[in-house]
Protein backbone atom coordinates (compact mmCIF):
# COMPACT_ATOMS: atom_id res chain seq x y z
CA MET A 1 -37.74 -44.69 -127.73
CA LYS A 2 -34.77 -45.77 -129.93
CA SER A 3 -35.34 -42.88 -132.32
CA ALA A 4 -35.31 -40.27 -129.50
CA LYS A 5 -31.74 -39.26 -130.13
CA TYR A 6 -32.67 -38.49 -133.81
CA LEU A 7 -35.60 -36.46 -132.73
CA VAL A 8 -33.45 -34.40 -130.34
CA LEU A 9 -30.91 -33.68 -133.14
CA SER A 10 -33.60 -32.79 -135.54
CA VAL A 11 -35.39 -30.35 -133.21
CA SER A 12 -32.11 -28.73 -132.24
CA VAL A 13 -31.13 -28.08 -135.90
CA ILE A 14 -34.56 -26.73 -136.77
CA ALA A 15 -34.82 -24.48 -133.74
CA LEU A 16 -31.47 -22.95 -134.27
CA ALA A 17 -32.04 -22.19 -137.94
CA SER A 18 -32.34 -18.45 -138.28
CA CYS A 19 -33.80 -18.37 -141.78
CA ALA A 20 -36.99 -20.29 -141.17
CA ALA A 21 -40.11 -18.81 -142.76
CA VAL A 22 -42.91 -17.33 -140.77
CA PRO A 23 -45.32 -20.27 -140.07
CA VAL A 24 -48.87 -19.85 -141.41
CA THR A 25 -49.69 -23.54 -141.21
CA ASP A 26 -48.65 -26.49 -139.10
CA LYS A 27 -46.48 -27.77 -141.95
CA ASN A 28 -44.01 -25.03 -141.14
CA LEU A 29 -43.60 -26.12 -137.46
CA PRO A 30 -40.50 -27.99 -136.20
CA LEU A 31 -42.80 -30.79 -134.87
CA SER A 32 -43.92 -31.71 -138.40
CA ASP A 33 -40.39 -31.80 -139.69
CA ILE A 34 -39.44 -34.04 -136.76
CA SER A 35 -42.15 -36.52 -137.60
CA THR A 36 -40.43 -37.27 -140.89
CA SER A 37 -37.51 -38.95 -138.87
CA TRP A 38 -39.82 -41.36 -137.05
CA SER A 39 -39.93 -44.99 -138.15
CA ALA A 40 -43.04 -46.32 -139.78
CA ASN A 41 -43.96 -48.26 -136.59
CA ASP A 42 -44.03 -45.08 -134.63
CA LYS A 43 -46.54 -43.38 -136.89
CA ALA A 44 -49.73 -44.20 -134.89
CA GLN A 45 -51.41 -40.85 -134.14
CA SER A 46 -52.25 -40.68 -130.43
CA ALA A 47 -55.05 -38.60 -128.98
CA VAL A 48 -55.24 -37.97 -125.32
CA ARG A 49 -57.17 -40.90 -123.74
CA ASP A 50 -59.09 -41.17 -120.54
CA GLY A 51 -58.54 -44.01 -118.24
CA TRP A 52 -55.30 -43.79 -116.28
CA LEU A 53 -57.06 -42.51 -113.13
CA ASN A 54 -59.74 -45.21 -113.45
CA ASP A 55 -57.14 -47.90 -113.89
CA LEU A 56 -56.26 -47.41 -110.20
CA GLU A 57 -59.79 -48.70 -109.34
CA MET A 58 -60.23 -46.32 -106.54
CA GLU A 59 -63.65 -44.67 -106.82
CA THR A 60 -63.04 -42.37 -103.76
CA LEU A 61 -59.96 -40.94 -105.30
CA SER A 62 -61.73 -40.49 -108.71
CA ASN A 63 -64.56 -38.65 -107.09
CA PHE A 64 -62.14 -36.45 -105.07
CA VAL A 65 -60.29 -35.53 -108.19
CA GLU A 66 -63.47 -34.26 -109.75
CA GLU A 67 -64.24 -32.27 -106.68
CA VAL A 68 -60.86 -30.62 -106.88
CA LEU A 69 -61.18 -29.75 -110.57
CA ASN A 70 -64.55 -28.11 -109.70
CA ASN A 71 -63.29 -26.12 -106.68
CA ASN A 72 -59.56 -25.54 -107.14
CA PRO A 73 -58.92 -21.76 -107.44
CA ASP A 74 -55.88 -22.05 -109.63
CA PHE A 75 -57.68 -24.35 -112.11
CA GLN A 76 -60.68 -22.04 -112.19
CA ALA A 77 -58.36 -18.98 -112.83
CA THR A 78 -56.89 -20.86 -115.80
CA ALA A 79 -60.34 -21.56 -117.14
CA HIS A 80 -61.17 -17.88 -117.01
CA ARG A 81 -57.94 -16.92 -118.79
CA MET A 82 -58.89 -19.35 -121.51
CA GLU A 83 -62.27 -17.69 -121.87
CA ALA A 84 -60.68 -14.25 -122.00
CA ALA A 85 -58.32 -15.42 -124.80
CA GLY A 86 -61.42 -16.58 -126.76
CA TYR A 87 -63.01 -13.27 -126.56
CA ASN A 88 -59.74 -11.55 -127.50
CA ALA A 89 -59.70 -13.73 -130.59
CA ARG A 90 -63.16 -12.47 -131.47
CA VAL A 91 -61.99 -8.89 -131.05
CA ALA A 92 -59.11 -9.41 -133.49
CA ARG A 93 -61.41 -11.16 -135.98
CA GLY A 94 -63.87 -8.22 -135.88
CA ASN A 95 -61.09 -5.94 -137.32
CA LEU A 96 -61.64 -7.71 -140.70
CA TYR A 97 -65.19 -6.38 -140.98
CA PRO A 98 -66.51 -2.91 -141.61
CA THR A 99 -67.53 -0.74 -138.53
CA LEU A 100 -70.95 1.04 -138.54
CA ASN A 101 -71.84 3.77 -136.14
CA ALA A 102 -75.12 5.67 -135.73
CA SER A 103 -75.49 9.11 -134.23
CA LEU A 104 -78.48 11.11 -133.20
CA GLY A 105 -78.29 14.77 -131.91
CA VAL A 106 -81.01 17.09 -130.65
CA SER A 107 -80.41 20.78 -129.93
CA ARG A 108 -82.58 23.74 -128.92
CA ARG A 109 -81.39 27.38 -129.38
CA SER A 110 -82.71 30.75 -130.11
CA ILE A 111 -82.06 32.77 -133.42
CA GLN A 112 -82.14 36.60 -133.36
CA ASN A 113 -85.16 36.76 -131.03
CA PRO A 114 -84.15 35.19 -127.77
CA PHE A 115 -87.88 34.48 -126.98
CA VAL A 116 -88.33 32.38 -130.07
CA PRO A 117 -86.59 28.97 -129.66
CA SER A 118 -85.62 26.85 -132.69
CA ASN A 119 -85.17 22.97 -132.56
CA ASN A 120 -82.70 21.00 -134.61
CA VAL A 121 -82.65 17.24 -134.89
CA SER A 122 -79.84 15.40 -136.70
CA ALA A 123 -79.11 11.75 -137.42
CA GLY A 124 -76.26 10.04 -139.22
CA LEU A 125 -74.64 6.77 -140.15
CA ASP A 126 -70.87 6.35 -140.48
CA THR A 127 -69.03 3.33 -141.82
CA ARG A 128 -65.42 2.52 -142.22
CA TRP A 129 -63.63 -0.53 -143.64
CA GLU A 130 -59.98 -1.17 -143.89
CA VAL A 131 -59.29 -3.39 -146.81
CA ASP A 132 -56.90 -6.22 -145.90
CA VAL A 133 -54.92 -6.10 -149.00
CA TRP A 134 -51.62 -7.38 -147.56
CA GLY A 135 -53.16 -9.73 -144.99
CA ARG A 136 -52.05 -7.75 -141.93
CA LEU A 137 -55.34 -7.88 -140.23
CA SER A 138 -55.71 -11.62 -141.03
CA ALA A 139 -52.35 -12.25 -139.53
CA GLN A 140 -53.36 -10.44 -136.39
CA SER A 141 -56.59 -12.49 -136.28
CA ALA A 142 -54.62 -15.68 -136.75
CA ALA A 143 -52.21 -14.78 -133.96
CA ALA A 144 -55.13 -14.18 -131.55
CA LYS A 145 -56.68 -17.48 -132.59
CA ALA A 146 -53.40 -19.29 -131.88
CA ASP A 147 -53.25 -17.57 -128.49
CA TYR A 148 -56.74 -18.99 -127.80
CA THR A 149 -55.69 -22.42 -128.87
CA ALA A 150 -52.68 -22.23 -126.53
CA ALA A 151 -55.03 -21.02 -123.70
CA ILE A 152 -57.18 -24.03 -124.34
CA TYR A 153 -54.20 -26.47 -124.14
CA ASP A 154 -52.98 -24.56 -121.04
CA GLN A 155 -56.27 -25.38 -119.42
CA GLU A 156 -56.16 -29.04 -120.50
CA GLY A 157 -52.54 -29.22 -119.22
CA ALA A 158 -53.54 -27.61 -115.90
CA ARG A 159 -56.32 -30.25 -115.56
CA LEU A 160 -54.02 -33.17 -116.21
CA SER A 161 -51.33 -31.77 -113.97
CA LEU A 162 -53.76 -31.11 -111.17
CA ALA A 163 -55.37 -34.51 -111.43
CA ALA A 164 -51.88 -36.12 -111.22
CA GLN A 165 -50.87 -33.84 -108.23
CA VAL A 166 -54.08 -34.71 -106.42
CA ALA A 167 -53.56 -38.46 -106.99
CA GLN A 168 -50.00 -38.25 -105.88
CA THR A 169 -50.88 -36.34 -102.76
CA TRP A 170 -53.63 -38.84 -102.06
CA PHE A 171 -51.15 -41.66 -102.08
CA ASP A 172 -48.75 -39.61 -99.92
CA ALA A 173 -51.60 -39.33 -97.36
CA MET A 174 -52.17 -43.11 -97.67
CA GLU A 175 -48.53 -43.75 -97.10
CA ALA A 176 -48.55 -41.39 -94.03
CA GLU A 177 -51.53 -43.35 -92.64
CA ALA A 178 -49.80 -46.66 -93.29
CA GLN A 179 -46.78 -45.33 -91.45
CA VAL A 180 -48.92 -44.33 -88.47
CA LYS A 181 -50.38 -47.81 -88.34
CA LEU A 182 -46.84 -49.33 -88.55
CA ALA A 183 -45.69 -47.08 -85.83
CA ALA A 184 -48.63 -48.18 -83.64
CA ARG A 185 -47.76 -51.86 -84.28
CA THR A 186 -44.19 -51.03 -83.45
CA VAL A 187 -45.10 -49.55 -80.09
CA GLU A 188 -47.18 -52.73 -79.30
CA SER A 189 -44.21 -54.89 -80.36
CA TYR A 190 -41.89 -53.02 -77.99
CA GLU A 191 -44.45 -53.17 -75.27
CA ARG A 192 -44.49 -57.04 -75.60
CA ALA A 193 -40.69 -57.01 -75.55
CA VAL A 194 -40.73 -54.89 -72.33
CA ARG A 195 -43.02 -57.36 -70.59
CA VAL A 196 -40.74 -60.22 -71.54
CA VAL A 197 -37.56 -58.33 -70.21
CA GLU A 198 -39.40 -57.45 -67.06
CA LYS A 199 -40.22 -61.01 -66.30
CA ARG A 200 -36.63 -62.09 -66.89
CA PHE A 201 -35.37 -59.21 -64.84
CA ALA A 202 -37.76 -60.10 -61.98
CA ARG A 203 -36.39 -63.64 -62.03
CA GLY A 204 -32.70 -62.37 -62.16
CA LEU A 205 -32.16 -63.69 -65.72
CA SER A 206 -31.46 -60.36 -67.24
CA THR A 207 -29.74 -57.14 -66.14
CA GLY A 208 -31.06 -53.66 -65.50
CA LEU A 209 -29.19 -52.54 -68.67
CA ASP A 210 -31.47 -54.88 -70.74
CA LEU A 211 -34.54 -53.27 -69.19
CA ARG A 212 -33.41 -49.77 -69.71
CA LEU A 213 -32.51 -50.37 -73.37
CA ILE A 214 -35.82 -51.92 -74.29
CA ILE A 215 -37.73 -49.27 -72.40
CA SER A 216 -35.68 -46.61 -74.31
CA ASN A 217 -36.67 -48.10 -77.58
CA LEU A 218 -40.36 -48.20 -76.49
CA GLU A 219 -40.30 -44.57 -75.68
CA ALA A 220 -38.55 -43.72 -78.97
CA SER A 221 -41.20 -45.68 -80.88
CA ARG A 222 -43.92 -43.68 -79.10
CA ALA A 223 -42.24 -40.41 -80.09
CA SER A 224 -41.93 -41.73 -83.69
CA GLN A 225 -45.67 -42.55 -83.65
CA SER A 226 -46.51 -38.94 -82.65
CA GLY A 227 -44.36 -37.67 -85.48
CA ARG A 228 -46.03 -39.85 -88.06
CA GLU A 229 -49.47 -38.69 -86.86
CA ASP A 230 -48.40 -35.08 -87.47
CA GLN A 231 -47.16 -35.90 -90.95
CA LEU A 232 -50.52 -37.50 -91.65
CA GLY A 233 -52.29 -34.38 -90.62
CA GLN A 234 -50.09 -32.31 -92.91
CA GLN A 235 -50.79 -34.58 -95.91
CA LYS A 236 -54.59 -34.40 -95.20
CA ARG A 237 -54.49 -30.63 -95.03
CA ARG A 238 -52.68 -30.48 -98.35
CA LEU A 239 -55.50 -32.50 -99.98
CA GLU A 240 -58.14 -30.26 -98.45
CA ILE A 241 -56.42 -27.06 -99.63
CA LEU A 242 -56.46 -28.54 -103.19
CA ALA A 243 -60.12 -29.05 -103.00
CA GLY A 244 -60.80 -25.59 -101.66
CA ARG A 245 -61.80 -26.92 -98.27
CA TYR A 246 -60.79 -25.68 -94.83
CA PRO A 247 -57.58 -27.49 -93.77
CA ALA A 248 -59.13 -29.32 -90.77
CA ALA A 249 -57.27 -32.62 -91.55
CA THR A 250 -60.57 -34.54 -91.50
CA ILE A 251 -60.52 -36.02 -95.04
CA MET A 252 -60.41 -39.79 -95.18
CA ALA A 253 -57.63 -40.92 -97.58
CA THR A 254 -57.69 -44.57 -96.36
CA GLY A 255 -57.04 -48.04 -97.68
CA GLU A 256 -54.08 -50.00 -98.96
CA ILE A 257 -51.72 -48.67 -101.44
CA PRO A 258 -52.61 -50.78 -104.60
CA ASP A 259 -50.06 -52.97 -106.26
CA LEU A 260 -49.23 -52.20 -109.88
CA ASN A 261 -49.65 -55.60 -111.43
CA GLU A 262 -49.68 -54.42 -115.09
CA ASP A 263 -46.43 -53.50 -116.62
CA VAL A 264 -45.78 -50.50 -118.92
CA PRO A 265 -46.38 -51.72 -122.44
CA THR A 266 -43.16 -52.00 -124.45
CA GLY A 267 -42.61 -50.11 -127.70
CA LEU A 268 -44.69 -47.07 -126.84
CA PRO A 269 -44.86 -44.78 -129.92
CA VAL A 270 -42.67 -41.72 -129.49
CA ASN A 271 -45.23 -39.46 -131.14
CA MET A 272 -47.57 -40.04 -128.14
CA LEU A 273 -45.79 -36.98 -126.85
CA GLU A 274 -47.72 -34.93 -129.49
CA ARG A 275 -50.85 -35.14 -127.30
CA ARG A 276 -49.09 -33.44 -124.43
CA PRO A 277 -51.04 -30.20 -123.69
CA ASP A 278 -47.88 -28.23 -122.98
CA LEU A 279 -46.30 -29.22 -126.24
CA GLN A 280 -49.35 -28.35 -128.15
CA ALA A 281 -49.52 -24.99 -126.32
CA ALA A 282 -45.91 -24.32 -127.23
CA LYS A 283 -46.69 -25.10 -130.81
CA ALA A 284 -49.69 -22.64 -130.75
CA ARG A 285 -47.54 -19.93 -129.26
CA LEU A 286 -44.95 -20.46 -131.89
CA LEU A 287 -47.59 -19.97 -134.59
CA SER A 288 -48.92 -16.91 -132.74
CA ALA A 289 -45.42 -15.35 -132.64
CA GLY A 290 -44.99 -16.08 -136.35
CA TYR A 291 -48.28 -14.43 -137.29
CA SER A 292 -47.41 -11.44 -135.05
CA SER A 293 -44.12 -11.02 -136.86
CA GLN A 294 -45.90 -11.26 -140.13
CA ALA A 295 -48.34 -8.56 -139.13
CA ALA A 296 -45.59 -6.29 -137.86
CA GLU A 297 -43.72 -6.52 -141.19
CA LYS A 298 -46.84 -5.67 -143.16
CA ALA A 299 -47.49 -2.65 -141.02
CA LEU A 300 -44.84 -0.98 -143.15
CA LEU A 301 -46.95 -1.24 -146.24
CA PRO A 302 -49.64 1.09 -147.34
CA SER A 303 -53.16 0.73 -145.86
CA PHE A 304 -56.36 1.18 -147.83
CA SER A 305 -59.65 2.12 -146.25
CA ILE A 306 -63.03 3.23 -147.24
CA THR A 307 -65.07 5.70 -145.26
CA ALA A 308 -68.78 6.46 -145.97
CA SER A 309 -71.07 8.68 -144.09
CA GLY A 310 -74.66 9.99 -144.32
CA ASN A 311 -76.66 12.43 -142.33
CA ASN A 312 -79.80 14.42 -142.17
CA SER A 313 -80.91 17.29 -140.06
CA SER A 314 -84.38 18.88 -139.61
CA ARG A 315 -86.41 20.85 -137.14
CA GLY A 316 -88.34 17.77 -136.01
CA PHE A 317 -88.22 14.04 -135.77
CA SER A 318 -90.96 13.56 -138.44
CA ASP A 319 -88.70 15.09 -141.15
CA LEU A 320 -85.70 12.82 -140.49
CA LEU A 321 -86.79 10.26 -142.98
CA ASP A 322 -87.16 12.88 -145.73
CA LEU A 323 -84.69 11.68 -148.33
CA ASP A 324 -84.39 15.02 -149.95
CA ASN A 325 -82.41 16.24 -146.90
CA ILE A 326 -79.90 13.47 -146.70
CA PHE A 327 -76.31 14.36 -147.26
CA TRP A 328 -73.81 11.45 -147.88
CA SER A 329 -70.23 11.01 -148.89
CA VAL A 330 -67.87 8.19 -149.73
CA ILE A 331 -64.08 8.66 -149.29
CA GLY A 332 -61.24 6.31 -150.20
CA ASN A 333 -58.05 6.64 -148.14
CA LEU A 334 -54.52 5.44 -148.94
CA THR A 335 -52.08 5.85 -146.00
CA GLN A 336 -48.28 5.07 -146.28
CA PRO A 337 -46.18 5.51 -143.15
CA ILE A 338 -43.24 7.78 -144.05
CA PHE A 339 -41.53 8.78 -140.77
CA GLN A 340 -42.42 7.53 -137.32
CA GLY A 341 -39.08 7.52 -135.63
CA GLY A 342 -38.39 4.02 -136.86
CA LYS A 343 -40.87 2.53 -134.38
CA LEU A 344 -42.65 0.32 -137.14
CA ARG A 345 -39.31 -1.03 -138.38
CA TYR A 346 -38.05 -1.82 -134.84
CA ALA A 347 -41.41 -3.32 -133.99
CA ALA A 348 -41.05 -5.73 -136.90
CA LYS A 349 -37.55 -6.62 -135.87
CA GLY A 350 -38.61 -7.14 -132.29
CA SER A 351 -41.50 -9.36 -133.35
CA GLN A 352 -39.13 -11.49 -135.43
CA GLU A 353 -36.79 -11.89 -132.40
CA LEU A 354 -39.77 -13.02 -130.35
CA PHE A 355 -40.63 -15.54 -133.09
CA GLU A 356 -37.05 -16.89 -132.79
CA ALA A 357 -37.26 -17.08 -129.08
CA GLU A 358 -40.47 -19.10 -129.39
CA LYS A 359 -38.63 -21.59 -131.52
CA GLN A 360 -36.18 -22.13 -128.64
CA VAL A 361 -39.10 -22.40 -126.09
CA PHE A 362 -40.67 -25.07 -128.37
CA ALA A 363 -37.35 -27.02 -128.59
CA LYS A 364 -37.00 -26.77 -124.80
CA THR A 365 -40.42 -27.94 -124.20
CA LEU A 366 -39.92 -31.02 -126.45
CA LEU A 367 -36.61 -31.91 -124.95
CA ALA A 368 -38.06 -31.63 -121.48
CA ALA A 369 -40.82 -33.93 -122.55
CA PHE A 370 -38.33 -36.53 -123.67
CA LYS A 371 -36.46 -36.18 -120.42
CA GLU A 372 -39.63 -36.64 -118.32
CA VAL A 373 -40.65 -39.80 -120.13
CA GLU A 374 -37.11 -41.37 -120.05
CA ASP A 375 -36.77 -40.54 -116.37
CA ALA A 376 -40.13 -42.09 -115.50
CA LEU A 377 -39.49 -45.21 -117.63
CA SER A 378 -36.09 -45.66 -115.94
CA SER A 379 -37.52 -45.24 -112.49
CA GLU A 380 -40.37 -47.61 -113.40
CA LYS A 381 -38.02 -50.50 -113.80
CA THR A 382 -35.87 -49.86 -110.77
CA LEU A 383 -38.87 -49.14 -108.44
CA LYS A 384 -40.58 -52.35 -109.63
CA GLU A 385 -37.51 -54.36 -108.55
CA GLN A 386 -37.28 -52.38 -105.26
CA VAL A 387 -40.92 -53.32 -104.42
CA LEU A 388 -40.11 -57.04 -105.08
CA TYR A 389 -37.01 -57.24 -103.09
CA THR A 390 -38.07 -54.92 -100.23
CA GLY A 391 -41.21 -57.03 -99.86
CA LYS A 392 -39.02 -60.12 -99.37
CA ALA A 393 -36.79 -58.35 -97.01
CA ALA A 394 -39.75 -57.16 -94.84
CA GLU A 395 -41.23 -60.63 -94.80
CA ASN A 396 -38.05 -62.15 -93.53
CA ALA A 397 -37.42 -59.26 -91.07
CA ILE A 398 -40.85 -59.74 -89.49
CA ALA A 399 -40.25 -63.44 -89.12
CA ALA A 400 -36.82 -62.86 -87.63
CA GLU A 401 -38.28 -60.37 -85.05
CA LYS A 402 -40.73 -63.10 -83.85
CA VAL A 403 -37.97 -65.66 -83.55
CA ALA A 404 -35.66 -63.24 -81.72
CA LEU A 405 -38.30 -62.35 -79.14
CA ASP A 406 -38.97 -66.01 -78.51
CA GLN A 407 -35.29 -66.90 -78.21
CA TYR A 408 -34.58 -63.94 -75.91
CA GLY A 409 -37.47 -65.06 -73.66
CA ARG A 410 -35.65 -68.41 -73.39
CA GLY A 411 -32.29 -66.85 -72.86
CA LEU A 412 -30.79 -68.00 -76.08
CA ILE A 413 -29.66 -64.61 -77.39
CA LYS A 414 -28.54 -61.24 -76.03
CA ILE A 415 -30.70 -58.17 -75.85
CA SER A 416 -28.73 -56.59 -78.63
CA VAL A 417 -29.77 -59.14 -81.11
CA LEU A 418 -33.48 -58.67 -80.19
CA LEU A 419 -33.12 -54.88 -80.44
CA GLU A 420 -31.46 -55.17 -83.93
CA SER A 421 -34.17 -57.60 -85.17
CA GLN A 422 -36.81 -55.16 -84.12
CA ARG A 423 -35.09 -52.24 -85.88
CA GLN A 424 -34.73 -54.31 -89.04
CA SER A 425 -38.30 -55.25 -89.00
CA LEU A 426 -39.44 -51.66 -88.52
CA ALA A 427 -37.07 -50.32 -91.11
CA GLN A 428 -38.09 -52.86 -93.82
CA GLN A 429 -41.73 -52.48 -93.26
CA SER A 430 -41.50 -48.73 -93.42
CA GLN A 431 -39.31 -48.94 -96.49
CA LEU A 432 -41.72 -51.18 -98.23
CA ILE A 433 -44.71 -48.75 -97.70
CA SER A 434 -42.45 -45.90 -99.05
CA VAL A 435 -41.21 -47.68 -102.11
CA LYS A 436 -44.76 -48.92 -103.06
CA LYS A 437 -45.95 -45.32 -102.86
CA GLN A 438 -43.00 -44.19 -104.94
CA HIS A 439 -43.82 -46.75 -107.62
CA ILE A 440 -47.42 -45.68 -107.98
CA ASN A 441 -46.52 -42.01 -107.97
CA ASN A 442 -43.92 -42.60 -110.59
CA ARG A 443 -46.48 -44.39 -112.72
CA ILE A 444 -48.66 -41.30 -112.37
CA ALA A 445 -45.70 -39.21 -113.39
CA LEU A 446 -45.34 -41.32 -116.45
CA HIS A 447 -48.94 -40.76 -117.44
CA LEU A 448 -48.40 -36.98 -116.96
CA ALA A 449 -45.20 -37.14 -119.13
CA LEU A 450 -47.05 -39.02 -121.92
CA GLY A 451 -50.15 -36.73 -121.63
CA GLY A 452 -52.59 -39.55 -120.84
CA ASP A 453 -52.82 -43.30 -120.72
CA PHE A 454 -50.94 -45.98 -122.63
CA ILE A 455 -53.77 -46.57 -125.20
CA THR A 456 -53.16 -45.65 -128.82
CA ARG A 457 -55.46 -45.97 -131.78
CA GLN A 458 -54.45 -46.04 -135.43
CA ASP A 459 -57.63 -44.22 -136.61
CA THR A 460 -57.33 -41.16 -134.36
CA GLN A 461 -56.06 -37.91 -135.57
CA GLU A 462 -53.82 -35.55 -133.66
CA MET A 463 -55.53 -34.05 -130.74
CA THR A 464 -57.00 -30.67 -131.45
CA PRO A 465 -58.75 -28.36 -129.10
CA ARG A 466 -62.41 -27.79 -129.32
CA GLU A 467 -62.82 -24.82 -131.75
CA THR A 468 -65.90 -23.44 -130.12
CA ALA A 469 -66.54 -19.82 -129.47
CA PRO A 470 -66.26 -18.50 -125.94
CA ARG A 471 -69.25 -19.12 -123.76
CA GLU A 472 -72.16 -16.72 -124.14
CA THR A 473 -74.31 -18.35 -121.53
CA ALA A 474 -73.95 -20.64 -118.49
CA PRO A 475 -70.68 -18.91 -117.27
CA ASP A 476 -70.43 -21.31 -114.35
CA SER A 477 -70.41 -24.58 -116.32
CA ASP A 478 -67.34 -26.60 -117.07
CA ILE A 479 -65.01 -25.18 -119.75
CA ILE A 480 -63.35 -28.32 -121.02
CA GLU A 481 -64.63 -31.90 -120.87
CA GLY A 482 -62.55 -34.30 -118.79
CA ASN A 483 -60.34 -35.62 -121.57
CA ALA A 484 -56.94 -35.21 -119.90
CA LEU A 485 -57.52 -37.93 -117.22
């Protein structure tokens, strides 16, 4: 990440440039210009890779994530929006082709003598084609296609974000369960201490104050256990809501929070960020805004169209195919806007401003990506150290509690020392559970910030969305393959 500061400087200069040309290819995008400032060692193109979820080696969690992706309402809504964008792209592309309409009319009326009806049957074909001389229609089609690309990446980003949210919530529930178990062990520990104090009090070796203090701590630990159980229920209901289940707090998110034995690889290529779906979506929206601005400017130019029509009429259906009765015409039209209250000119200026705004959005998205990665990497180092040192502190605190209870039973220490040792033991064990969960959730956040796992391949190209047409069949099947996990 040594070159990050140069990337930030480059994207800021490019995004603020007001004279940039309308982008028609990826070469005109700020991202391509930024790539020239990367060192040769950072040139490995990185496609989104599967695996970060499976690296946790928790089959139950992996299966639950798949369930959430299949049932989560927000994710399904994103999938439908992606489909709609695909159909809109087809609509825009259809404007490049001629239109053909057929008509058929049948009438029955009387002429002079009202008792002698006359039938009339007419049929016609009309076609119209606007010749895309200046490329206005092509620009509109390209803008719609870019919107579709952005929608695809939005769905991939939603998939990655939802999977990360589910995994983090899963470990939140595991932490809550571990805290409940710790609270139960704490109650048992205080109960043992109460029995020791009661025996000493019965023999006159301790005061009533000692007994009241230890009983107070016991009741407080029971109250804490009840609160922990309520927190566990809340976390379980959060998981169930994500999966579209009724929030009954019956889901089993059990097990030990895994230790992260593998370190984050050093020297991660900076351009791994290119595979982030939100960055790719921002790039597509920048292209769309550029094409829309281009189309708005060309709306000021003349438009050329060709209209052709043919029709035939007869007194019966059998005579419709008589070629001698067919009338046809071909008309060429040239239309030049002259006065429309300035709306075309203002529309072009407005589209240009939207294009400039999308440049800033792209720059903001890229800068936010850098920050998320840097924050996660920084936290990774500190959390790893916290897990190590808190583990040692908890181990010693547990041992100290056992020694204190034994020494108090023999009258070697005061009740205050015993109570302090118990508080330290509880605090350090609880802190260890929390910091282990924070560590694994931060690792998930790092995968989310990088857009996938840590694997890179020299032979892969930049991630591109599947350029498939919108679904015509099987509307309930999955939209995007699971490549964001």
